[in-house]
Amino acid sequence: MTGEVSIYGLYVPPLLLLTLAALAVSRLCNLVLAKTGFYRLVWHPALFDFSLFVIVLGALTYYTRNWS
């Protein structure tokens, strides 16, 4: 993973970009799970959503660790 990413001259930490991507992916997963009625099986939906976000962020960080 690089130190910073330049977007139009503005240096942004890569973890911020990964966090935004993970937020979008986890939000999409939340919408799909809500449409399928999966949340009726979940004990604590907010905790499940946070866990899903952490898992997606970890996966994105793992798969992008060698980008330069």
PDB file of N, CA and C in Angstrom:
ATOM      1  N   MET A   1       0.842  -1.166   0.000  1.00  0.00           N
ATOM      2  CA  MET A   1       0.000   0.000   0.000  1.00  0.00           C
ATOM      3  C   MET A   1       0.888   1.230   0.000  1.00  0.00           C
ATOM      4  N   THR A   2       0.543   2.208  -0.798  1.00  0.00           N
ATOM      5  CA  THR A   2       1.344   3.420  -0.887  1.00  0.00           C
ATOM      6  C   THR A   2       1.041   4.346   0.280  1.00  0.00           C
ATOM      7  N   GLY A   3       1.874   5.363   0.444  1.00  0.00           N
ATOM      8  CA  GLY A   3       1.695   6.297   1.539  1.00  0.00           C
ATOM      9  C   GLY A   3       0.515   7.220   1.336  1.00  0.00           C
ATOM     10  N   GLU A   4       0.373   7.760   0.127  1.00  0.00           N
ATOM     11  CA  GLU A   4      -0.713   8.686  -0.165  1.00  0.00           C
ATOM     12  C   GLU A   4      -1.122   8.538  -1.625  1.00  0.00           C
ATOM     13  N   VAL A   5      -2.350   8.903  -1.910  1.00  0.00           N
ATOM     14  CA  VAL A   5      -2.865   8.863  -3.270  1.00  0.00           C
ATOM     15  C   VAL A   5      -3.196  10.294  -3.665  1.00  0.00           C
ATOM     16  N   SER A   6      -2.720  10.697  -4.829  1.00  0.00           N
ATOM     17  CA  SER A   6      -2.971  12.053  -5.299  1.00  0.00           C
ATOM     18  C   SER A   6      -4.228  12.072  -6.151  1.00  0.00           C
ATOM     19  N   ILE A   7      -5.194  12.881  -5.750  1.00  0.00           N
ATOM     20  CA  ILE A   7      -6.411  13.091  -6.528  1.00  0.00           C
ATOM     21  C   ILE A   7      -6.500  14.576  -6.841  1.00  0.00           C
ATOM     22  N   TYR A   8      -6.184  14.921  -8.075  1.00  0.00           N
ATOM     23  CA  TYR A   8      -6.165  16.309  -8.536  1.00  0.00           C
ATOM     24  C   TYR A   8      -5.295  17.180  -7.621  1.00  0.00           C
ATOM     25  N   GLY A   9      -4.153  16.672  -7.212  1.00  0.00           N
ATOM     26  CA  GLY A   9      -3.232  17.425  -6.388  1.00  0.00           C
ATOM     27  C   GLY A   9      -3.517  17.359  -4.902  1.00  0.00           C
ATOM     28  N   LEU A  10      -4.588  16.708  -4.521  1.00  0.00           N
ATOM     29  CA  LEU A  10      -4.932  16.563  -3.101  1.00  0.00           C
ATOM     30  C   LEU A  10      -4.507  15.174  -2.648  1.00  0.00           C
ATOM     31  N   TYR A  11      -3.616  15.119  -1.676  1.00  0.00           N
ATOM     32  CA  TYR A  11      -3.110  13.839  -1.206  1.00  0.00           C
ATOM     33  C   TYR A  11      -4.046  13.269  -0.142  1.00  0.00           C
ATOM     34  N   VAL A  12      -4.509  12.054  -0.424  1.00  0.00           N
ATOM     35  CA  VAL A  12      -5.495  11.401   0.426  1.00  0.00           C
ATOM     36  C   VAL A  12      -4.910  10.079   0.890  1.00  0.00           C
ATOM     37  N   PRO A  13      -5.069   9.734   2.166  1.00  0.00           N
ATOM     38  CA  PRO A  13      -4.576   8.440   2.614  1.00  0.00           C
ATOM     39  C   PRO A  13      -5.399   7.308   1.990  1.00  0.00           C
ATOM     40  N   PRO A  14      -4.744   6.217   1.606  1.00  0.00           N
ATOM     41  CA  PRO A  14      -5.464   5.124   0.948  1.00  0.00           C
ATOM     42  C   PRO A  14      -6.524   4.484   1.822  1.00  0.00           C
ATOM     43  N   LEU A  15      -6.314   4.524   3.131  1.00  0.00           N
ATOM     44  CA  LEU A  15      -7.323   3.928   4.013  1.00  0.00           C
ATOM     45  C   LEU A  15      -8.645   4.682   3.941  1.00  0.00           C
ATOM     46  N   LEU A  16      -8.592   5.983   3.695  1.00  0.00           N
ATOM     47  CA  LEU A  16      -9.823   6.765   3.532  1.00  0.00           C
ATOM     48  C   LEU A  16     -10.579   6.306   2.285  1.00  0.00           C
ATOM     49  N   LEU A  17      -9.843   6.093   1.198  1.00  0.00           N
ATOM     50  CA  LEU A  17     -10.492   5.619  -0.039  1.00  0.00           C
ATOM     51  C   LEU A  17     -11.060   4.220   0.152  1.00  0.00           C
ATOM     52  N   LEU A  18     -10.312   3.368   0.843  1.00  0.00           N
ATOM     53  CA  LEU A  18     -10.807   2.011   1.094  1.00  0.00           C
ATOM     54  C   LEU A  18     -12.023   2.036   2.006  1.00  0.00           C
ATOM     55  N   THR A  19     -12.040   2.945   2.960  1.00  0.00           N
ATOM     56  CA  THR A  19     -13.188   3.060   3.857  1.00  0.00           C
ATOM     57  C   THR A  19     -14.435   3.493   3.086  1.00  0.00           C
ATOM     58  N   LEU A  20     -14.272   4.443   2.176  1.00  0.00           N
ATOM     59  CA  LEU A  20     -15.417   4.888   1.371  1.00  0.00           C
ATOM     60  C   LEU A  20     -15.917   3.762   0.458  1.00  0.00           C
ATOM     61  N   ALA A  21     -14.985   3.009  -0.114  1.00  0.00           N
ATOM     62  CA  ALA A  21     -15.379   1.885  -0.961  1.00  0.00           C
ATOM     63  C   ALA A  21     -16.071   0.811  -0.131  1.00  0.00           C
ATOM     64  N   ALA A  22     -15.545   0.530   1.061  1.00  0.00           N
ATOM     65  CA  ALA A  22     -16.162  -0.468   1.932  1.00  0.00           C
ATOM     66  C   ALA A  22     -17.540  -0.023   2.385  1.00  0.00           C
ATOM     67  N   LEU A  23     -17.701   1.262   2.612  1.00  0.00           N
ATOM     68  CA  LEU A  23     -19.013   1.789   2.998  1.00  0.00           C
ATOM     69  C   LEU A  23     -20.024   1.594   1.873  1.00  0.00           C
ATOM     70  N   ALA A  24     -19.613   1.840   0.648  1.00  0.00           N
ATOM     71  CA  ALA A  24     -20.509   1.657  -0.494  1.00  0.00           C
ATOM     72  C   ALA A  24     -20.862   0.185  -0.687  1.00  0.00           C
ATOM     73  N   VAL A  25     -19.866  -0.692  -0.580  1.00  0.00           N
ATOM     74  CA  VAL A  25     -20.121  -2.127  -0.770  1.00  0.00           C
ATOM     75  C   VAL A  25     -20.995  -2.675   0.346  1.00  0.00           C
ATOM     76  N   SER A  26     -20.720  -2.279   1.586  1.00  0.00           N
ATOM     77  CA  SER A  26     -21.527  -2.784   2.693  1.00  0.00           C
ATOM     78  C   SER A  26     -22.940  -2.231   2.635  1.00  0.00           C
ATOM     79  N   ARG A  27     -23.108  -1.005   2.160  1.00  0.00           N
ATOM     80  CA  ARG A  27     -24.459  -0.435   1.998  1.00  0.00           C
ATOM     81  C   ARG A  27     -25.240  -1.216   0.924  1.00  0.00           C
ATOM     82  N   LEU A  28     -24.553  -1.573  -0.153  1.00  0.00           N
ATOM     83  CA  LEU A  28     -25.196  -2.372  -1.199  1.00  0.00           C
ATOM     84  C   LEU A  28     -25.596  -3.741  -0.650  1.00  0.00           C
ATOM     85  N   CYS A  29     -24.714  -4.350   0.144  1.00  0.00           N
ATOM     86  CA  CYS A  29     -25.036  -5.644   0.767  1.00  0.00           C
ATOM     87  C   CYS A  29     -26.213  -5.500   1.722  1.00  0.00           C
ATOM     88  N   ASN A  30     -26.270  -4.398   2.469  1.00  0.00           N
ATOM     89  CA  ASN A  30     -27.380  -4.166   3.387  1.00  0.00           C
ATOM     90  C   ASN A  30     -28.699  -4.087   2.637  1.00  0.00           C
ATOM     91  N   LEU A  31     -28.696  -3.405   1.511  1.00  0.00           N
ATOM     92  CA  LEU A  31     -29.930  -3.277   0.728  1.00  0.00           C
ATOM     93  C   LEU A  31     -30.385  -4.637   0.199  1.00  0.00           C
ATOM     94  N   VAL A  32     -29.444  -5.432  -0.277  1.00  0.00           N
ATOM     95  CA  VAL A  32     -29.788  -6.761  -0.799  1.00  0.00           C
ATOM     96  C   VAL A  32     -30.302  -7.661   0.325  1.00  0.00           C
ATOM     97  N   LEU A  33     -29.632  -7.619   1.475  1.00  0.00           N
ATOM     98  CA  LEU A  33     -30.063  -8.446   2.603  1.00  0.00           C
ATOM     99  C   LEU A  33     -31.417  -8.002   3.131  1.00  0.00           C
ATOM    100  N   ALA A  34     -31.691  -6.715   3.118  1.00  0.00           N
ATOM    101  CA  ALA A  34     -32.996  -6.223   3.567  1.00  0.00           C
ATOM    102  C   ALA A  34     -34.093  -6.641   2.603  1.00  0.00           C
ATOM    103  N   LYS A  35     -33.803  -6.628   1.314  1.00  0.00           N
ATOM    104  CA  LYS A  35     -34.800  -7.031   0.316  1.00  0.00           C
ATOM    105  C   LYS A  35     -35.123  -8.516   0.421  1.00  0.00           C
ATOM    106  N   THR A  36     -34.140  -9.322   0.793  1.00  0.00           N
ATOM    107  CA  THR A  36     -34.363 -10.766   0.882  1.00  0.00           C
ATOM    108  C   THR A  36     -34.932 -11.188   2.230  1.00  0.00           C
ATOM    109  N   GLY A  37     -35.050 -10.253   3.173  1.00  0.00           N
ATOM    110  CA  GLY A  37     -35.603 -10.587   4.480  1.00  0.00           C
ATOM    111  C   GLY A  37     -34.625 -11.270   5.413  1.00  0.00           C
ATOM    112  N   PHE A  38     -33.358 -11.129   5.157  1.00  0.00           N
ATOM    113  CA  PHE A  38     -32.325 -11.764   5.975  1.00  0.00           C
ATOM    114  C   PHE A  38     -32.290 -11.184   7.384  1.00  0.00           C
ATOM    115  N   TYR A  39     -32.666  -9.921   7.525  1.00  0.00           N
ATOM    116  CA  TYR A  39     -32.566  -9.267   8.832  1.00  0.00           C
ATOM    117  C   TYR A  39     -33.551  -9.827   9.855  1.00  0.00           C
ATOM    118  N   ARG A  40     -34.526 -10.624   9.427  1.00  0.00           N
ATOM    119  CA  ARG A  40     -35.412 -11.291  10.390  1.00  0.00           C
ATOM    120  C   ARG A  40     -34.649 -12.364  11.161  1.00  0.00           C
ATOM    121  N   LEU A  41     -33.548 -12.857  10.604  1.00  0.00           N
ATOM    122  CA  LEU A  41     -32.756 -13.904  11.244  1.00  0.00           C
ATOM    123  C   LEU A  41     -31.634 -13.347  12.112  1.00  0.00           C
ATOM    124  N   VAL A  42     -31.386 -12.034  12.019  1.00  0.00           N
ATOM    125  CA  VAL A  42     -30.261 -11.418  12.723  1.00  0.00           C
ATOM    126  C   VAL A  42     -30.736 -10.903  14.073  1.00  0.00           C
ATOM    127  N   TRP A  43     -29.944 -11.195  15.126  1.00  0.00           N
ATOM    128  CA  TRP A  43     -30.329 -10.785  16.474  1.00  0.00           C
ATOM    129  C   TRP A  43     -30.215  -9.273  16.665  1.00  0.00           C
ATOM    130  N   HIS A  44     -29.091  -8.691  16.207  1.00  0.00           N
ATOM    131  CA  HIS A  44     -28.856  -7.256  16.399  1.00  0.00           C
ATOM    132  C   HIS A  44     -28.432  -6.671  15.051  1.00  0.00           C
ATOM    133  N   PRO A  45     -29.360  -6.105  14.296  1.00  0.00           N
ATOM    134  CA  PRO A  45     -29.039  -5.642  12.934  1.00  0.00           C
ATOM    135  C   PRO A  45     -27.930  -4.590  12.871  1.00  0.00           C
ATOM    136  N   ALA A  46     -27.884  -3.672  13.835  1.00  0.00           N
ATOM    137  CA  ALA A  46     -26.846  -2.642  13.791  1.00  0.00           C
ATOM    138  C   ALA A  46     -25.453  -3.255  14.000  1.00  0.00           C
ATOM    139  N   LEU A  47     -25.375  -4.192  14.921  1.00  0.00           N
ATOM    140  CA  LEU A  47     -24.098  -4.870  15.154  1.00  0.00           C
ATOM    141  C   LEU A  47     -23.700  -5.707  13.947  1.00  0.00           C
ATOM    142  N   PHE A  48     -24.677  -6.327  13.309  1.00  0.00           N
ATOM    143  CA  PHE A  48     -24.407  -7.090  12.090  1.00  0.00           C
ATOM    144  C   PHE A  48     -23.913  -6.184  10.979  1.00  0.00           C
ATOM    145  N   ASP A  49     -24.535  -5.002  10.825  1.00  0.00           N
ATOM    146  CA  ASP A  49     -24.103  -4.059   9.793  1.00  0.00           C
ATOM    147  C   ASP A  49     -22.673  -3.590  10.041  1.00  0.00           C
ATOM    148  N   PHE A  50     -22.347  -3.292  11.294  1.00  0.00           N
ATOM    149  CA  PHE A  50     -20.986  -2.854  11.612  1.00  0.00           C
ATOM    150  C   PHE A  50     -19.987  -3.979  11.336  1.00  0.00           C
ATOM    151  N   SER A  51     -20.332  -5.200  11.699  1.00  0.00           N
ATOM    152  CA  SER A  51     -19.442  -6.336  11.456  1.00  0.00           C
ATOM    153  C   SER A  51     -19.237  -6.559   9.964  1.00  0.00           C
ATOM    154  N   LEU A  52     -20.299  -6.409   9.204  1.00  0.00           N
ATOM    155  CA  LEU A  52     -20.195  -6.548   7.750  1.00  0.00           C
ATOM    156  C   LEU A  52     -19.270  -5.487   7.167  1.00  0.00           C
ATOM    157  N   PHE A  53     -19.381  -4.265   7.670  1.00  0.00           N
ATOM    158  CA  PHE A  53     -18.500  -3.185   7.214  1.00  0.00           C
ATOM    159  C   PHE A  53     -17.041  -3.497   7.533  1.00  0.00           C
ATOM    160  N   VAL A  54     -16.767  -3.979   8.735  1.00  0.00           N
ATOM    161  CA  VAL A  54     -15.388  -4.297   9.125  1.00  0.00           C
ATOM    162  C   VAL A  54     -14.839  -5.439   8.265  1.00  0.00           C
ATOM    163  N   ILE A  55     -15.662  -6.424   7.987  1.00  0.00           N
ATOM    164  CA  ILE A  55     -15.218  -7.542   7.149  1.00  0.00           C
ATOM    165  C   ILE A  55     -14.917  -7.064   5.731  1.00  0.00           C
ATOM    166  N   VAL A  56     -15.771  -6.230   5.179  1.00  0.00           N
ATOM    167  CA  VAL A  56     -15.550  -5.720   3.817  1.00  0.00           C
ATOM    168  C   VAL A  56     -14.302  -4.841   3.777  1.00  0.00           C
ATOM    169  N   LEU A  57     -14.118  -3.992   4.791  1.00  0.00           N
ATOM    170  CA  LEU A  57     -12.927  -3.146   4.839  1.00  0.00           C
ATOM    171  C   LEU A  57     -11.665  -3.996   4.970  1.00  0.00           C
ATOM    172  N   GLY A  58     -11.707  -5.008   5.783  1.00  0.00           N
ATOM    173  CA  GLY A  58     -10.554  -5.896   5.911  1.00  0.00           C
ATOM    174  C   GLY A  58     -10.244  -6.615   4.618  1.00  0.00           C
ATOM    175  N   ALA A  59     -11.271  -7.066   3.913  1.00  0.00           N
ATOM    176  CA  ALA A  59     -11.062  -7.757   2.643  1.00  0.00           C
ATOM    177  C   ALA A  59     -10.478  -6.819   1.594  1.00  0.00           C
ATOM    178  N   LEU A  60     -10.994  -5.600   1.524  1.00  0.00           N
ATOM    179  CA  LEU A  60     -10.456  -4.635   0.564  1.00  0.00           C
ATOM    180  C   LEU A  60      -9.007  -4.276   0.896  1.00  0.00           C
ATOM    181  N   THR A  61      -8.714  -4.126   2.157  1.00  0.00           N
ATOM    182  CA  THR A  61      -7.341  -3.825   2.568  1.00  0.00           C
ATOM    183  C   THR A  61      -6.410  -4.983   2.244  1.00  0.00           C
ATOM    184  N   TYR A  62      -6.883  -6.193   2.454  1.00  0.00           N
ATOM    185  CA  TYR A  62      -6.058  -7.368   2.168  1.00  0.00           C
ATOM    186  C   TYR A  62      -5.759  -7.484   0.671  1.00  0.00           C
ATOM    187  N   TYR A  63      -6.780  -7.286  -0.156  1.00  0.00           N
ATOM    188  CA  TYR A  63      -6.587  -7.475  -1.596  1.00  0.00           C
ATOM    189  C   TYR A  63      -5.889  -6.309  -2.277  1.00  0.00           C
ATOM    190  N   THR A  64      -5.813  -5.155  -1.633  1.00  0.00           N
ATOM    191  CA  THR A  64      -5.132  -4.014  -2.244  1.00  0.00           C
ATOM    192  C   THR A  64      -3.798  -3.710  -1.570  1.00  0.00           C
ATOM    193  N   ARG A  65      -3.276  -4.590  -0.774  1.00  0.00           N
ATOM    194  CA  ARG A  65      -2.057  -4.316  -0.016  1.00  0.00           C
ATOM    195  C   ARG A  65      -0.820  -4.215  -0.900  1.00  0.00           C
ATOM    196  N   ASN A  66      -0.833  -4.789  -2.075  1.00  0.00           N
ATOM    197  CA  ASN A  66       0.336  -4.772  -2.945  1.00  0.00           C
ATOM    198  C   ASN A  66       0.230  -3.765  -4.076  1.00  0.00           C
ATOM    199  N   TRP A  67      -0.791  -2.934  -4.065  1.00  0.00           N
ATOM    200  CA  TRP A  67      -0.908  -1.911  -5.105  1.00  0.00           C
ATOM    201  C   TRP A  67       0.125  -0.837  -4.873  1.00  0.00           C
ATOM    202  N   SER A  68       0.662  -0.335  -5.924  1.00  0.00           N
ATOM    203  CA  SER A  68       1.657   0.738  -5.761  1.00  0.00           C
ATOM    204  C   SER A  68       1.425   1.821  -6.775  1.00  0.00           C
TER     205      SER A  68
END
